[in-house]
Amino acid sequence: MLQLAAVGVSQLFQRKRKRPAAGEQPAPECPVCMDAPPCMAASCGHVYCAGCAEKPEVLQQCPVCRKRPERAMLRIFV
């Protein structure tokens, strides 16, 4: 279990992310995979990428606030 966590942490640090220039806002990212831009919104207002929004655990309970969704995910255009 500990080795699995260590692998996950090392993969996070190996990702190369472009840092925004001074005065720029960072690009939004999905709070589940932390990679893709969000395009789906839950009824609680939290946003996810299309891939994570289809996961059964996200559809049953919001991973951020733990609320049960009141309706289906909505596609957002940013």
Protein backbone atom coordinates (compact mmCIF):
# COMPACT_ATOMS: atom_id res chain seq x y z
CA MET A 1 0.00 0.00 0.00
CA LEU A 2 2.78 2.39 0.91
CA GLN A 3 4.65 1.59 -2.31
CA LEU A 4 1.52 2.40 -4.33
CA ALA A 5 1.26 5.80 -2.63
CA ALA A 6 4.95 6.48 -3.29
CA VAL A 7 4.50 5.69 -6.98
CA GLY A 8 1.52 8.05 -7.18
CA VAL A 9 3.44 10.89 -5.52
CA SER A 10 6.45 10.42 -7.78
CA GLN A 11 4.20 10.48 -10.86
CA LEU A 12 2.72 13.79 -9.69
CA PHE A 13 6.15 15.36 -9.37
CA GLN A 14 7.30 14.03 -12.74
CA ARG A 15 4.50 15.82 -14.60
CA LYS A 16 5.69 18.89 -16.36
CA ARG A 17 3.19 21.68 -15.98
CA LYS A 18 3.46 25.00 -17.64
CA ARG A 19 3.33 27.72 -15.03
CA PRO A 20 1.28 30.78 -15.87
CA ALA A 21 3.18 34.00 -16.48
CA ALA A 22 2.94 36.80 -13.94
CA GLY A 23 -0.59 38.21 -13.89
CA GLU A 24 -2.16 35.25 -15.74
CA GLN A 25 -4.76 32.98 -14.20
CA PRO A 26 -3.82 29.28 -14.02
CA ALA A 27 -5.83 27.04 -16.36
CA PRO A 28 -8.64 25.20 -14.54
CA GLU A 29 -8.19 21.46 -14.12
CA CYS A 30 -10.34 18.54 -13.04
CA PRO A 31 -10.03 17.94 -9.24
CA VAL A 32 -10.18 14.16 -9.74
CA CYS A 33 -7.54 13.48 -12.43
CA MET A 34 -5.83 16.89 -12.13
CA ASP A 35 -5.08 16.79 -15.84
CA ALA A 36 -7.96 17.58 -18.18
CA PRO A 37 -9.91 20.84 -18.27
CA PRO A 38 -13.36 20.66 -16.64
CA CYS A 39 -16.40 20.63 -18.91
CA MET A 40 -19.12 19.01 -16.76
CA ALA A 41 -20.79 20.50 -13.66
CA ALA A 42 -22.48 18.61 -10.84
CA SER A 43 -25.64 19.92 -9.14
CA CYS A 44 -23.49 21.15 -6.23
CA GLY A 45 -21.47 23.35 -8.60
CA HIS A 46 -18.20 21.43 -8.67
CA VAL A 47 -16.77 20.78 -12.14
CA TYR A 48 -15.05 17.74 -13.67
CA CYS A 49 -13.63 16.65 -17.02
CA ALA A 50 -15.81 14.49 -19.26
CA GLY A 51 -13.91 11.29 -18.41
CA CYS A 52 -14.17 11.70 -14.64
CA ALA A 53 -17.79 12.90 -14.81
CA GLU A 54 -18.78 9.49 -16.22
CA LYS A 55 -17.19 7.51 -13.37
CA PRO A 56 -19.80 5.76 -11.18
CA GLU A 57 -18.27 7.01 -7.93
CA VAL A 58 -18.51 10.64 -9.13
CA LEU A 59 -22.10 10.13 -10.30
CA GLN A 60 -23.10 8.75 -6.88
CA GLN A 61 -21.31 11.29 -4.67
CA CYS A 62 -19.35 14.49 -5.35
CA PRO A 63 -15.69 13.77 -4.47
CA VAL A 64 -15.15 17.37 -3.36
CA CYS A 65 -18.09 18.10 -1.04
CA ARG A 66 -19.49 14.54 -0.64
CA LYS A 67 -23.03 15.64 -1.54
CA ARG A 68 -25.35 13.31 -3.41
CA PRO A 69 -26.21 14.76 -6.87
CA GLU A 70 -29.76 16.03 -7.23
CA ARG A 71 -29.74 15.78 -11.05
CA ALA A 72 -27.56 14.73 -13.96
CA MET A 73 -24.28 16.42 -14.84
CA LEU A 74 -24.51 19.48 -17.06
CA ARG A 75 -22.07 20.27 -19.88
CA ILE A 76 -20.47 23.68 -19.47
CA PHE A 77 -18.70 25.78 -22.08
CA VAL A 78 -15.90 27.95 -20.76
